[in-house]
Amino acid sequence: MVEKANILDEQAINRALTRIAHEIIERNKGIETCILVGIKTRGAYLAKRLAEKIEKIEGKSIKAGELDITLYRDDLSMKTANKEPLVQQVDIQHVVTDQKVILIDDVLYTGRTVRAAMDAVMDLGRPAQIQLAVLIDRGHRELPIRADYVGKNIPTASIERIVVRLHETDQEDSVTIHE
C-alpha cells in the first residue's frame, strides 16, 4: 500500500483530542459518573491522553480502563466459536453499573470492534450509558453504530486504509490514508 495523503499531524491530533475532552465534559456535565475505556492498542493510548487532558481541565482525575479485543478482520485466526472477536483482557478496575462508559478507539470503520467492546462492557455490569469517541470516522458501517465524539470524519473508499500512528507505539503522531 502506498501513502496517498497525510490527514492529521501531531498538532492536529492534539487539537482533536482537546476538543473531544471538552465535549465529553460538557455533554456529561462533568466527569463524576464517567469511565473512559480504551480499546487496545491505540484506543487505550488515546484514552490515556484524553484522561490527562480532562484532568487538566477539571482539576481531578477521571476513572479509566482498557479492553483488549482482537480486531475483527477476515484474516483473523483467533475467533470464538460463534465467529465473534475474542475478548482477550478486560482491565477496568471500576464498577460500570450506573456509570457512563465512554469507549475510545482510533478508527471507526465497520462497527464490529465497537460492538464487541460493548458486549465486553455489558458482561461487567449495566452501565447507565455507553458513548463512543473515535479519532477518525471513515464510514462504511456494517452495523448501526455511530460515534458521539469524532476527531475527524474522513470519507474513504473501501479499498483505502487509514493508518494511525501514535508516539507510544510508532514514535510519531500521524494519520494517513494508504491505497
C-alpha atoms as a PDB file:
ATOM      1  CA  MET A   1       0.000   0.000   0.000  1.00  0.00           C
ATOM      2  CA  VAL A   2       1.195   3.464  -0.902  1.00  0.00           C
ATOM      3  CA  GLU A   3       0.620   6.536   1.251  1.00  0.00           C
ATOM      4  CA  LYS A   4      -1.929   8.687  -0.520  1.00  0.00           C
ATOM      5  CA  ALA A   5      -2.379  11.596   1.902  1.00  0.00           C
ATOM      6  CA  ASN A   6      -1.349  12.814   5.327  1.00  0.00           C
ATOM      7  CA  ILE A   7      -4.590  13.719   7.118  1.00  0.00           C
ATOM      8  CA  LEU A   8      -3.511  14.695  10.644  1.00  0.00           C
ATOM      9  CA  ASP A   9      -0.137  15.621  12.091  1.00  0.00           C
ATOM     10  CA  GLU A  10       0.833  15.743  15.777  1.00  0.00           C
ATOM     11  CA  GLN A  11      -0.690  19.196  16.358  1.00  0.00           C
ATOM     12  CA  ALA A  12      -3.953  18.286  14.624  1.00  0.00           C
ATOM     13  CA  ILE A  13      -4.280  15.091  16.695  1.00  0.00           C
ATOM     14  CA  ASN A  14      -3.631  17.079  19.872  1.00  0.00           C
ATOM     15  CA  ARG A  15      -6.266  19.673  18.906  1.00  0.00           C
ATOM     16  CA  ALA A  16      -8.815  16.963  18.100  1.00  0.00           C
ATOM     17  CA  LEU A  17      -8.238  15.244  21.448  1.00  0.00           C
ATOM     18  CA  THR A  18      -8.507  18.551  23.319  1.00  0.00           C
ATOM     19  CA  ARG A  19     -11.836  19.262  21.601  1.00  0.00           C
ATOM     20  CA  ILE A  20     -13.123  15.744  22.381  1.00  0.00           C
ATOM     21  CA  ALA A  21     -12.092  16.156  26.050  1.00  0.00           C
ATOM     22  CA  HIS A  22     -14.103  19.387  26.292  1.00  0.00           C
ATOM     23  CA  GLU A  23     -17.088  17.780  24.531  1.00  0.00           C
ATOM     24  CA  ILE A  24     -17.052  14.812  26.944  1.00  0.00           C
ATOM     25  CA  ILE A  25     -17.053  17.128  29.956  1.00  0.00           C
ATOM     26  CA  GLU A  26     -19.775  19.358  28.520  1.00  0.00           C
ATOM     27  CA  ARG A  27     -22.100  16.570  27.390  1.00  0.00           C
ATOM     28  CA  ASN A  28     -21.822  14.691  30.688  1.00  0.00           C
ATOM     29  CA  LYS A  29     -21.968  17.839  32.860  1.00  0.00           C
ATOM     30  CA  GLY A  30     -18.677  16.890  34.472  1.00  0.00           C
ATOM     31  CA  ILE A  31     -16.900  13.561  34.901  1.00  0.00           C
ATOM     32  CA  GLU A  32     -18.208  12.190  38.208  1.00  0.00           C
ATOM     33  CA  THR A  33     -20.115   9.276  36.658  1.00  0.00           C
ATOM     34  CA  CYS A  34     -17.845   8.723  33.628  1.00  0.00           C
ATOM     35  CA  ILE A  35     -15.344   5.953  32.883  1.00  0.00           C
ATOM     36  CA  LEU A  36     -13.035   6.193  29.854  1.00  0.00           C
ATOM     37  CA  VAL A  37     -12.386   2.744  28.356  1.00  0.00           C
ATOM     38  CA  GLY A  38      -9.739   2.497  25.648  1.00  0.00           C
ATOM     39  CA  ILE A  39      -9.919  -0.296  23.093  1.00  0.00           C
ATOM     40  CA  LYS A  40      -6.365  -1.628  22.781  1.00  0.00           C
ATOM     41  CA  THR A  41      -3.984  -0.851  21.325  1.00  0.00           C
ATOM     42  CA  ARG A  42      -4.187   2.694  20.037  1.00  0.00           C
ATOM     43  CA  GLY A  43      -7.566   3.389  21.622  1.00  0.00           C
ATOM     44  CA  ALA A  44      -6.031   2.683  25.030  1.00  0.00           C
ATOM     45  CA  TYR A  45      -3.289   5.255  24.394  1.00  0.00           C
ATOM     46  CA  LEU A  46      -5.834   7.797  23.160  1.00  0.00           C
ATOM     47  CA  ALA A  47      -7.910   7.173  26.310  1.00  0.00           C
ATOM     48  CA  LYS A  48      -4.855   7.901  28.477  1.00  0.00           C
ATOM     49  CA  ARG A  49      -4.253  11.145  26.592  1.00  0.00           C
ATOM     50  CA  LEU A  50      -7.904  12.132  26.965  1.00  0.00           C
ATOM     51  CA  ALA A  51      -7.779  11.332  30.691  1.00  0.00           C
ATOM     52  CA  GLU A  52      -4.758  13.630  31.075  1.00  0.00           C
ATOM     53  CA  LYS A  53      -6.499  16.444  29.182  1.00  0.00           C
ATOM     54  CA  ILE A  54      -9.692  16.047  31.188  1.00  0.00           C
ATOM     55  CA  GLU A  55      -7.719  16.086  34.438  1.00  0.00           C
ATOM     56  CA  LYS A  56      -6.036  19.358  33.413  1.00  0.00           C
ATOM     57  CA  ILE A  57      -9.399  20.905  32.555  1.00  0.00           C
ATOM     58  CA  GLU A  58     -11.379  19.609  35.552  1.00  0.00           C
ATOM     59  CA  GLY A  59      -8.611  19.532  38.149  1.00  0.00           C
ATOM     60  CA  LYS A  60      -9.411  15.938  39.079  1.00  0.00           C
ATOM     61  CA  SER A  61      -8.819  12.552  37.504  1.00  0.00           C
ATOM     62  CA  ILE A  62     -11.398  10.584  35.536  1.00  0.00           C
ATOM     63  CA  LYS A  63     -11.892   6.843  36.004  1.00  0.00           C
ATOM     64  CA  ALA A  64     -10.329   4.830  33.186  1.00  0.00           C
ATOM     65  CA  GLY A  65      -9.764   1.283  31.951  1.00  0.00           C
ATOM     66  CA  GLU A  66      -8.837  -0.781  28.899  1.00  0.00           C
ATOM     67  CA  LEU A  67     -10.342  -3.528  26.778  1.00  0.00           C
ATOM     68  CA  ASP A  68      -8.115  -5.852  24.798  1.00  0.00           C
ATOM     69  CA  ILE A  69     -10.139  -7.342  21.947  1.00  0.00           C
ATOM     70  CA  THR A  70      -8.842  -8.813  18.757  1.00  0.00           C
ATOM     71  CA  LEU A  71      -9.757  -6.737  15.724  1.00  0.00           C
ATOM     72  CA  TYR A  72     -12.496  -8.163  13.551  1.00  0.00           C
ATOM     73  CA  ARG A  73     -10.807  -8.958  10.244  1.00  0.00           C
ATOM     74  CA  ASP A  74     -11.256 -11.563   7.538  1.00  0.00           C
ATOM     75  CA  ASP A  75      -7.699 -12.765   8.168  1.00  0.00           C
ATOM     76  CA  LEU A  76      -8.285 -13.119  11.902  1.00  0.00           C
ATOM     77  CA  SER A  77      -7.271 -16.569  13.084  1.00  0.00           C
ATOM     78  CA  MET A  78      -8.434 -16.300  16.713  1.00  0.00           C
ATOM     79  CA  LYS A  79     -12.199 -16.060  16.968  1.00  0.00           C
ATOM     80  CA  THR A  80     -14.699 -17.597  19.307  1.00  0.00           C
ATOM     81  CA  ALA A  81     -16.847 -20.498  18.118  1.00  0.00           C
ATOM     82  CA  ASN A  82     -19.586 -18.072  17.005  1.00  0.00           C
ATOM     83  CA  LYS A  83     -17.090 -16.110  14.842  1.00  0.00           C
ATOM     84  CA  GLU A  84     -17.032 -13.009  17.083  1.00  0.00           C
ATOM     85  CA  PRO A  85     -13.860 -11.127  18.095  1.00  0.00           C
ATOM     86  CA  LEU A  86     -12.164 -12.723  21.058  1.00  0.00           C
ATOM     87  CA  VAL A  87     -12.138 -10.566  24.167  1.00  0.00           C
ATOM     88  CA  GLN A  88      -8.645 -11.187  25.498  1.00  0.00           C
ATOM     89  CA  GLN A  89      -8.383  -8.987  28.556  1.00  0.00           C
ATOM     90  CA  VAL A  90     -10.501  -6.521  30.439  1.00  0.00           C
ATOM     91  CA  ASP A  91      -8.652  -4.078  32.676  1.00  0.00           C
ATOM     92  CA  ILE A  92     -11.387  -1.966  34.216  1.00  0.00           C
ATOM     93  CA  GLN A  93     -10.936  -1.547  37.958  1.00  0.00           C
ATOM     94  CA  HIS A  94     -14.215   0.345  38.389  1.00  0.00           C
ATOM     95  CA  VAL A  95     -17.808  -0.790  38.678  1.00  0.00           C
ATOM     96  CA  VAL A  96     -19.533   0.049  35.393  1.00  0.00           C
ATOM     97  CA  THR A  97     -23.097  -0.331  36.659  1.00  0.00           C
ATOM     98  CA  ASP A  98     -24.932   3.011  36.524  1.00  0.00           C
ATOM     99  CA  GLN A  99     -21.853   4.748  35.092  1.00  0.00           C
ATOM    100  CA  LYS A 100     -21.406   6.440  31.716  1.00  0.00           C
ATOM    101  CA  VAL A 101     -18.838   4.315  29.892  1.00  0.00           C
ATOM    102  CA  ILE A 102     -17.049   6.142  27.094  1.00  0.00           C
ATOM    103  CA  LEU A 103     -15.354   3.740  24.686  1.00  0.00           C
ATOM    104  CA  ILE A 104     -12.293   5.200  22.945  1.00  0.00           C
ATOM    105  CA  ASP A 105     -10.872   3.871  19.659  1.00  0.00           C
ATOM    106  CA  ASP A 106      -8.609   5.188  16.931  1.00  0.00           C
ATOM    107  CA  VAL A 107     -10.672   4.424  13.800  1.00  0.00           C
ATOM    108  CA  LEU A 108     -14.369   3.660  13.419  1.00  0.00           C
ATOM    109  CA  TYR A 109     -14.962   1.599  10.297  1.00  0.00           C
ATOM    110  CA  THR A 110     -17.489  -1.275  10.135  1.00  0.00           C
ATOM    111  CA  GLY A 111     -18.527  -1.008  13.789  1.00  0.00           C
ATOM    112  CA  ARG A 112     -17.739  -4.647  14.625  1.00  0.00           C
ATOM    113  CA  THR A 113     -14.893  -3.849  17.019  1.00  0.00           C
ATOM    114  CA  VAL A 114     -17.095  -1.388  18.897  1.00  0.00           C
ATOM    115  CA  ARG A 115     -19.919  -3.927  19.107  1.00  0.00           C
ATOM    116  CA  ALA A 116     -17.528  -6.489  20.598  1.00  0.00           C
ATOM    117  CA  ALA A 117     -16.300  -3.876  23.102  1.00  0.00           C
ATOM    118  CA  MET A 118     -19.897  -3.050  24.087  1.00  0.00           C
ATOM    119  CA  ASP A 119     -20.574  -6.743  24.687  1.00  0.00           C
ATOM    120  CA  ALA A 120     -17.496  -6.939  26.927  1.00  0.00           C
ATOM    121  CA  VAL A 121     -18.616  -3.895  28.926  1.00  0.00           C
ATOM    122  CA  MET A 122     -22.132  -5.307  29.315  1.00  0.00           C
ATOM    123  CA  ASP A 123     -20.641  -8.516  30.726  1.00  0.00           C
ATOM    124  CA  LEU A 124     -19.199  -6.402  33.559  1.00  0.00           C
ATOM    125  CA  GLY A 125     -22.481  -4.761  34.547  1.00  0.00           C
ATOM    126  CA  ARG A 126     -25.217  -2.478  33.318  1.00  0.00           C
ATOM    127  CA  PRO A 127     -23.872   0.971  32.529  1.00  0.00           C
ATOM    128  CA  ALA A 128     -26.250   3.927  32.553  1.00  0.00           C
ATOM    129  CA  GLN A 129     -24.982   4.751  29.067  1.00  0.00           C
ATOM    130  CA  ILE A 130     -22.273   3.758  26.604  1.00  0.00           C
ATOM    131  CA  GLN A 131     -20.783   6.531  24.485  1.00  0.00           C
ATOM    132  CA  LEU A 132     -18.153   6.295  21.749  1.00  0.00           C
ATOM    133  CA  ALA A 133     -15.219   8.591  20.992  1.00  0.00           C
ATOM    134  CA  VAL A 134     -13.007   7.996  17.958  1.00  0.00           C
ATOM    135  CA  LEU A 135     -10.109   9.892  16.460  1.00  0.00           C
ATOM    136  CA  ILE A 136     -11.211   9.026  12.897  1.00  0.00           C
ATOM    137  CA  ASP A 137     -14.606   8.054  11.478  1.00  0.00           C
ATOM    138  CA  ARG A 138     -14.068   6.699   7.981  1.00  0.00           C
ATOM    139  CA  GLY A 139     -17.590   5.498   7.204  1.00  0.00           C
ATOM    140  CA  HIS A 140     -18.541   2.115   5.689  1.00  0.00           C
ATOM    141  CA  ARG A 141     -20.571   0.922   8.670  1.00  0.00           C
ATOM    142  CA  GLU A 142     -21.913  -2.631   8.653  1.00  0.00           C
ATOM    143  CA  LEU A 143     -23.707  -2.144  11.975  1.00  0.00           C
ATOM    144  CA  PRO A 144     -25.880   0.742  13.194  1.00  0.00           C
ATOM    145  CA  ILE A 145     -23.133   2.287  15.329  1.00  0.00           C
ATOM    146  CA  ARG A 146     -22.348   5.999  15.471  1.00  0.00           C
ATOM    147  CA  ALA A 147     -19.643   7.869  17.359  1.00  0.00           C
ATOM    148  CA  ASP A 148     -20.680  10.508  19.886  1.00  0.00           C
ATOM    149  CA  TYR A 149     -17.306  12.281  19.645  1.00  0.00           C
ATOM    150  CA  VAL A 150     -15.239  12.368  16.441  1.00  0.00           C
ATOM    151  CA  GLY A 151     -11.814  13.912  15.946  1.00  0.00           C
ATOM    152  CA  LYS A 152     -12.199  13.975  12.163  1.00  0.00           C
ATOM    153  CA  ASN A 153     -14.570  12.460   9.602  1.00  0.00           C
ATOM    154  CA  ILE A 154     -12.617  11.097   6.650  1.00  0.00           C
ATOM    155  CA  PRO A 155     -14.802   9.611   3.918  1.00  0.00           C
ATOM    156  CA  THR A 156     -12.806   6.833   2.280  1.00  0.00           C
ATOM    157  CA  ALA A 157     -13.117   4.285  -0.467  1.00  0.00           C
ATOM    158  CA  SER A 158     -13.375   0.739   0.816  1.00  0.00           C
ATOM    159  CA  ILE A 159     -10.030  -0.103  -0.824  1.00  0.00           C
ATOM    160  CA  GLU A 160      -8.268   2.638   1.137  1.00  0.00           C
ATOM    161  CA  ARG A 161      -6.746   2.130   4.564  1.00  0.00           C
ATOM    162  CA  ILE A 162      -6.425   4.627   7.403  1.00  0.00           C
ATOM    163  CA  VAL A 163      -3.141   4.324   9.311  1.00  0.00           C
ATOM    164  CA  VAL A 164      -2.976   5.904  12.758  1.00  0.00           C
ATOM    165  CA  ARG A 165       0.495   6.244  14.240  1.00  0.00           C
ATOM    166  CA  LEU A 166       0.993   7.267  17.865  1.00  0.00           C
ATOM    167  CA  HIS A 167       4.202   8.069  19.751  1.00  0.00           C
ATOM    168  CA  GLU A 168       3.524   5.272  22.235  1.00  0.00           C
ATOM    169  CA  THR A 169       3.724   2.565  19.559  1.00  0.00           C
ATOM    170  CA  ASP A 170       5.145   4.173  16.425  1.00  0.00           C
ATOM    171  CA  GLN A 171       7.411   7.019  17.667  1.00  0.00           C
ATOM    172  CA  GLU A 172       5.319   9.598  15.800  1.00  0.00           C
ATOM    173  CA  ASP A 173       1.808  11.004  15.741  1.00  0.00           C
ATOM    174  CA  SER A 174       0.094  10.995  12.360  1.00  0.00           C
ATOM    175  CA  VAL A 175      -2.950   9.817  10.452  1.00  0.00           C
ATOM    176  CA  THR A 176      -2.508   8.879   6.809  1.00  0.00           C
ATOM    177  CA  ILE A 177      -4.558   7.320   4.028  1.00  0.00           C
ATOM    178  CA  HIS A 178      -2.979   4.473   2.093  1.00  0.00           C
ATOM    179  CA  GLU A 179      -4.147   2.956  -1.170  1.00  0.00           C
END
